[in-house]
C-alpha atoms as a PDB file:
ATOM      1  CA  MET A   1      21.770  85.803 148.633  1.00  0.00           C
ATOM      2  CA  ASN A   2      23.886  87.210 146.056  1.00  0.00           C
ATOM      3  CA  TYR A   3      26.418  90.269 145.710  1.00  0.00           C
ATOM      4  CA  GLN A   4      23.642  92.269 144.108  1.00  0.00           C
ATOM      5  CA  ASP A   5      21.571  91.281 146.531  1.00  0.00           C
ATOM      6  CA  LEU A   6      23.260  92.241 149.167  1.00  0.00           C
ATOM      7  CA  LEU A   7      24.377  95.531 147.971  1.00  0.00           C
ATOM      8  CA  ASN A   8      20.546  96.546 147.181  1.00  0.00           C
ATOM      9  CA  SER A   9      19.387  95.595 151.024  1.00  0.00           C
ATOM     10  CA  LEU A  10      22.212  98.474 152.442  1.00  0.00           C
ATOM     11  CA  THR A  11      20.410 100.919 154.612  1.00  0.00           C
ATOM     12  CA  PRO A  12      22.161 104.344 155.163  1.00  0.00           C
ATOM     13  CA  GLU A  13      22.967 103.325 158.676  1.00  0.00           C
ATOM     14  CA  VAL A  14      24.857 100.149 157.410  1.00  0.00           C
ATOM     15  CA  TYR A  15      26.651 101.965 154.565  1.00  0.00           C
ATOM     16  CA  GLU A  16      27.802 104.984 157.333  1.00  0.00           C
ATOM     17  CA  ASN A  17      29.218 101.661 159.644  1.00  0.00           C
ATOM     18  CA  LEU A  18      30.959 100.204 156.575  1.00  0.00           C
ATOM     19  CA  LYS A  19      32.220 103.824 155.654  1.00  0.00           C
ATOM     20  CA  ARG A  20      33.542 104.258 159.362  1.00  0.00           C
ATOM     21  CA  ALA A  21      35.049 100.758 159.424  1.00  0.00           C
ATOM     22  CA  VAL A  22      37.247 101.386 156.108  1.00  0.00           C
ATOM     23  CA  GLU A  23      37.999 105.553 157.805  1.00  0.00           C
ATOM     24  CA  LEU A  24      39.256 103.753 161.136  1.00  0.00           C
ATOM     25  CA  GLY A  25      39.891 100.295 160.359  1.00  0.00           C
ATOM     26  CA  LYS A  26      38.091  98.972 163.084  1.00  0.00           C
ATOM     27  CA  TRP A  27      34.673  97.756 163.526  1.00  0.00           C
ATOM     28  CA  PRO A  28      32.410  99.909 166.202  1.00  0.00           C
ATOM     29  CA  ASP A  29      33.254  97.357 168.698  1.00  0.00           C
ATOM     30  CA  GLY A  30      36.863  97.481 168.246  1.00  0.00           C
ATOM     31  CA  ARG A  31      37.696  94.734 166.529  1.00  0.00           C
ATOM     32  CA  VAL A  32      40.426  95.383 163.555  1.00  0.00           C
ATOM     33  CA  VAL A  33      39.100  95.058 159.830  1.00  0.00           C
ATOM     34  CA  THR A  34      41.131  92.512 158.011  1.00  0.00           C
ATOM     35  CA  PRO A  35      42.508  93.855 154.520  1.00  0.00           C
ATOM     36  CA  GLU A  36      39.998  91.866 152.849  1.00  0.00           C
ATOM     37  CA  GLN A  37      37.414  93.170 154.847  1.00  0.00           C
ATOM     38  CA  ARG A  38      38.194  96.576 154.270  1.00  0.00           C
ATOM     39  CA  GLN A  39      38.268  95.725 150.674  1.00  0.00           C
ATOM     40  CA  HIS A  40      34.630  94.571 150.533  1.00  0.00           C
ATOM     41  CA  CYS A  41      33.874  97.336 152.518  1.00  0.00           C
ATOM     42  CA  MET A  42      34.988  99.897 150.193  1.00  0.00           C
ATOM     43  CA  GLU A  43      33.171  98.273 147.140  1.00  0.00           C
ATOM     44  CA  ALA A  44      30.013  98.310 148.772  1.00  0.00           C
ATOM     45  CA  VAL A  45      30.704 101.998 150.108  1.00  0.00           C
ATOM     46  CA  ILE A  46      31.515 102.802 146.603  1.00  0.00           C
ATOM     47  CA  ALA A  47      28.393 100.617 145.220  1.00  0.00           C
ATOM     48  CA  TYR A  48      26.061 102.289 147.376  1.00  0.00           C
ATOM     49  CA  GLU A  49      27.232 105.672 146.562  1.00  0.00           C
ATOM     50  CA  HIS A  50      26.867 105.098 142.936  1.00  0.00           C
ATOM     51  CA  LYS A  51      23.352 103.985 143.207  1.00  0.00           C
ATOM     52  CA  HIS A  52      22.388 106.687 146.335  1.00  0.00           C
ATOM     53  CA  LEU A  53      24.239 110.061 145.940  1.00  0.00           C
ATOM     54  CA  PRO A  54      24.749 112.385 143.733  1.00  0.00           C
ATOM     55  CA  PRO A  55      28.564 112.495 142.073  1.00  0.00           C
ATOM     56  CA  GLU A  56      29.616 115.268 144.156  1.00  0.00           C
ATOM     57  CA  GLN A  57      29.202 113.558 147.302  1.00  0.00           C
ATOM     58  CA  HIS A  58      30.783 110.397 146.442  1.00  0.00           C
ATOM     59  CA  THR A  59      34.211 109.343 147.801  1.00  0.00           C
ATOM     60  CA  GLY A  60      36.909 110.285 146.191  1.00  0.00           C
ATOM     61  CA  TYR A  61      35.141 112.945 144.174  1.00  0.00           C
ATOM     62  CA  ILE A  62      37.195 115.961 142.642  1.00  0.00           C
ATOM     63  CA  PRO A  63      35.002 118.951 141.182  1.00  0.00           C
ATOM     64  CA  PRO A  64      36.017 119.484 137.542  1.00  0.00           C
ATOM     65  CA  LYS A  65      37.884 122.854 137.112  1.00  0.00           C
ATOM     66  CA  PRO A  66      36.480 125.385 135.078  1.00  0.00           C
ATOM     67  CA  HIS A  67      37.571 126.249 131.558  1.00  0.00           C
ATOM     68  CA  THR A  68      37.525 128.397 128.705  1.00  0.00           C
ATOM     69  CA  HIS A  69      38.521 125.935 125.793  1.00  0.00           C
ATOM     70  CA  CYS A  70      35.526 123.926 124.685  1.00  0.00           C
ATOM     71  CA  GLY A  71      36.609 123.889 121.226  1.00  0.00           C
ATOM     72  CA  GLY A  72      34.663 126.752 119.937  1.00  0.00           C
ATOM     73  CA  GLU A  73      35.899 128.473 117.014  1.00  0.00           C
ATOM     74  CA  GLY A  74      38.758 130.526 117.580  1.00  0.00           C
ATOM     75  CA  GLU A  75      39.632 128.851 120.822  1.00  0.00           C
ATOM     76  CA  VAL A  76      42.704 127.175 121.556  1.00  0.00           C
ATOM     77  CA  ALA A  77      43.095 124.542 124.114  1.00  0.00           C
ATOM     78  CA  GLU A  78      45.828 124.758 126.910  1.00  0.00           C
ATOM     79  CA  ALA A  79      48.563 122.115 126.361  1.00  0.00           C
ATOM     80  CA  GLU A  80      47.894 118.968 128.585  1.00  0.00           C
ATOM     81  CA  GLN A  81      50.007 118.729 131.576  1.00  0.00           C
ATOM     82  CA  PRO A  82      51.000 115.285 133.209  1.00  0.00           C
ATOM     83  CA  LEU A  83      49.410 114.578 136.512  1.00  0.00           C
ATOM     84  CA  LYS A  84      51.822 114.633 139.700  1.00  0.00           C
ATOM     85  CA  TRP A  85      51.426 111.841 142.253  1.00  0.00           C
ATOM     86  CA  LYS A  86      52.888 112.413 145.361  1.00  0.00           C
END
């Protein structure tokens, strides 16, 4: 089974279990999720969401801010502001 076949076989229940493992850092039976397992789980969760869920339900989704500068005539775009990382 290749990676794509594996992703295609994910059920909603498996998706929820993988997502929970990433969030809590442990499997349902209490075993700790290794860093490598967590990485693979995150990749599977993101791939599942991309295929089965609307963008608003994707992990990490940030809704766009409303704005009035779409390049219409007479409109001036606001100055770009750098991102502030915490």
